[in-house]
Amino acid sequence: MRITIYDAQEKVKEFVRDKNWKVDSSEIFNHLVEEIGEVARELRNNDKTKLKEELADVLFLIFKLSNEKDISLEEAFKHKFELIKKRFK
């Protein structure tokens, strides 16, 4: 199944709303930092299966934080990617 950034962000928004998981952005950020640490651990362990899971956790939390701050990651990424392309011609 393929999914757009927009659709994934919307799925996370709906899931969080349905579970009533509303927390403040600093808590989401703290959880994100923990998950990034777990990504580092799996990189050291060279366990691709666990690494995929940890990267997905990071992505989920990035969507969650973006939703909390009302930021469209799809639009933000498109804009930033254009800037990166210009910078590294």
C-alpha atoms as a PDB file:
ATOM      1  CA  MET A   1       0.000   0.000   0.000  1.00  0.00           C
ATOM      2  CA  ARG A   2       1.352   3.404  -0.970  1.00  0.00           C
ATOM      3  CA  ILE A   3       0.421   6.424   1.098  1.00  0.00           C
ATOM      4  CA  THR A   4       1.056  10.120   0.657  1.00  0.00           C
ATOM      5  CA  ILE A   5       2.574  12.271   3.350  1.00  0.00           C
ATOM      6  CA  TYR A   6      -0.754  14.073   3.624  1.00  0.00           C
ATOM      7  CA  ASP A   7      -2.722  10.842   4.040  1.00  0.00           C
ATOM      8  CA  ALA A   8      -0.299   9.470   6.627  1.00  0.00           C
ATOM      9  CA  GLN A   9      -0.465  12.686   8.621  1.00  0.00           C
ATOM     10  CA  GLU A  10      -4.269  12.570   8.489  1.00  0.00           C
ATOM     11  CA  LYS A  11      -4.319   8.931   9.641  1.00  0.00           C
ATOM     12  CA  VAL A  12      -2.186   9.856  12.647  1.00  0.00           C
ATOM     13  CA  LYS A  13      -4.448  12.834  13.387  1.00  0.00           C
ATOM     14  CA  GLU A  14      -7.544  10.615  13.333  1.00  0.00           C
ATOM     15  CA  PHE A  15      -5.887   7.891  15.414  1.00  0.00           C
ATOM     16  CA  VAL A  16      -4.701  10.336  18.076  1.00  0.00           C
ATOM     17  CA  ARG A  17      -8.135  11.961  18.187  1.00  0.00           C
ATOM     18  CA  ASP A  18      -9.923   8.595  18.447  1.00  0.00           C
ATOM     19  CA  LYS A  19      -7.608   7.459  21.260  1.00  0.00           C
ATOM     20  CA  ASN A  20      -7.827  10.857  22.966  1.00  0.00           C
ATOM     21  CA  TRP A  21      -4.017  10.995  23.055  1.00  0.00           C
ATOM     22  CA  LYS A  22      -3.846  14.780  23.154  1.00  0.00           C
ATOM     23  CA  VAL A  23      -0.611  15.780  24.865  1.00  0.00           C
ATOM     24  CA  ASP A  24       1.408  18.915  24.707  1.00  0.00           C
ATOM     25  CA  SER A  25       4.096  19.352  22.089  1.00  0.00           C
ATOM     26  CA  SER A  26       6.965  19.172  24.595  1.00  0.00           C
ATOM     27  CA  GLU A  27       5.834  15.668  25.615  1.00  0.00           C
ATOM     28  CA  ILE A  28       5.651  14.611  21.986  1.00  0.00           C
ATOM     29  CA  PHE A  29       9.136  16.026  21.418  1.00  0.00           C
ATOM     30  CA  ASN A  30      10.547  14.199  24.456  1.00  0.00           C
ATOM     31  CA  HIS A  31       9.071  10.945  23.181  1.00  0.00           C
ATOM     32  CA  LEU A  32      10.538  11.670  19.732  1.00  0.00           C
ATOM     33  CA  VAL A  33      14.009  12.114  21.232  1.00  0.00           C
ATOM     34  CA  GLU A  34      13.661   8.762  23.030  1.00  0.00           C
ATOM     35  CA  GLU A  35      12.674   7.073  19.783  1.00  0.00           C
ATOM     36  CA  ILE A  36      15.635   8.622  17.952  1.00  0.00           C
ATOM     37  CA  GLY A  37      17.839   7.069  20.632  1.00  0.00           C
ATOM     38  CA  GLU A  38      16.250   3.721  19.831  1.00  0.00           C
ATOM     39  CA  VAL A  39      17.034   4.280  16.136  1.00  0.00           C
ATOM     40  CA  ALA A  40      20.682   4.853  17.114  1.00  0.00           C
ATOM     41  CA  ARG A  41      20.693   1.615  19.109  1.00  0.00           C
ATOM     42  CA  GLU A  42      19.333  -0.401  16.191  1.00  0.00           C
ATOM     43  CA  LEU A  43      21.870   1.163  13.840  1.00  0.00           C
ATOM     44  CA  ARG A  44      24.616  -0.070  16.175  1.00  0.00           C
ATOM     45  CA  ASN A  45      22.963  -3.502  16.436  1.00  0.00           C
ATOM     46  CA  ASN A  46      22.540  -3.659  12.663  1.00  0.00           C
ATOM     47  CA  ASP A  47      19.024  -5.092  13.091  1.00  0.00           C
ATOM     48  CA  LYS A  48      17.105  -3.952  10.032  1.00  0.00           C
ATOM     49  CA  THR A  49      13.746  -5.297  11.230  1.00  0.00           C
ATOM     50  CA  LYS A  50      13.890  -3.392  14.511  1.00  0.00           C
ATOM     51  CA  LEU A  51      15.366  -0.345  12.762  1.00  0.00           C
ATOM     52  CA  LYS A  52      12.335  -0.186  10.452  1.00  0.00           C
ATOM     53  CA  GLU A  53      10.020  -0.253  13.474  1.00  0.00           C
ATOM     54  CA  GLU A  54      11.935   2.491  15.267  1.00  0.00           C
ATOM     55  CA  LEU A  55      12.039   4.686  12.155  1.00  0.00           C
ATOM     56  CA  ALA A  56       8.269   4.233  11.823  1.00  0.00           C
ATOM     57  CA  ASP A  57       7.885   5.299  15.475  1.00  0.00           C
ATOM     58  CA  VAL A  58       9.895   8.439  14.710  1.00  0.00           C
ATOM     59  CA  LEU A  59       7.752   9.154  11.652  1.00  0.00           C
ATOM     60  CA  PHE A  60       4.537   8.674  13.655  1.00  0.00           C
ATOM     61  CA  LEU A  61       5.742  11.153  16.275  1.00  0.00           C
ATOM     62  CA  ILE A  62       6.830  13.667  13.644  1.00  0.00           C
ATOM     63  CA  PHE A  63       3.319  13.499  12.174  1.00  0.00           C
ATOM     64  CA  LYS A  64       1.860  13.808  15.670  1.00  0.00           C
ATOM     65  CA  LEU A  65       4.008  16.858  16.506  1.00  0.00           C
ATOM     66  CA  SER A  66       3.222  18.458  13.150  1.00  0.00           C
ATOM     67  CA  ASN A  67      -0.481  17.974  13.741  1.00  0.00           C
ATOM     68  CA  GLU A  68      -0.182  19.502  17.205  1.00  0.00           C
ATOM     69  CA  LYS A  69       1.412  22.587  15.633  1.00  0.00           C
ATOM     70  CA  ASP A  70      -0.954  22.585  12.623  1.00  0.00           C
ATOM     71  CA  ILE A  71       1.864  22.147  10.096  1.00  0.00           C
ATOM     72  CA  SER A  72       1.345  20.347   6.797  1.00  0.00           C
ATOM     73  CA  LEU A  73       4.434  18.193   6.399  1.00  0.00           C
ATOM     74  CA  GLU A  74       3.651  17.633   2.747  1.00  0.00           C
ATOM     75  CA  GLU A  75       3.757  21.370   2.050  1.00  0.00           C
ATOM     76  CA  ALA A  76       6.741  21.911   4.351  1.00  0.00           C
ATOM     77  CA  PHE A  77       8.691  19.127   2.654  1.00  0.00           C
ATOM     78  CA  LYS A  78       7.909  20.353  -0.871  1.00  0.00           C
ATOM     79  CA  HIS A  79       9.038  23.854   0.040  1.00  0.00           C
ATOM     80  CA  LYS A  80      12.208  22.730   1.818  1.00  0.00           C
ATOM     81  CA  PHE A  81      13.132  20.271  -0.932  1.00  0.00           C
ATOM     82  CA  GLU A  82      13.031  23.066  -3.507  1.00  0.00           C
ATOM     83  CA  LEU A  83      15.367  25.127  -1.310  1.00  0.00           C
ATOM     84  CA  ILE A  84      17.729  22.163  -0.931  1.00  0.00           C
ATOM     85  CA  LYS A  85      17.784  21.555  -4.699  1.00  0.00           C
ATOM     86  CA  LYS A  86      18.691  25.200  -5.328  1.00  0.00           C
ATOM     87  CA  ARG A  87      21.357  25.131  -2.647  1.00  0.00           C
ATOM     88  CA  PHE A  88      23.060  21.976  -3.941  1.00  0.00           C
ATOM     89  CA  LYS A  89      22.914  22.417  -7.725  1.00  0.00           C
END
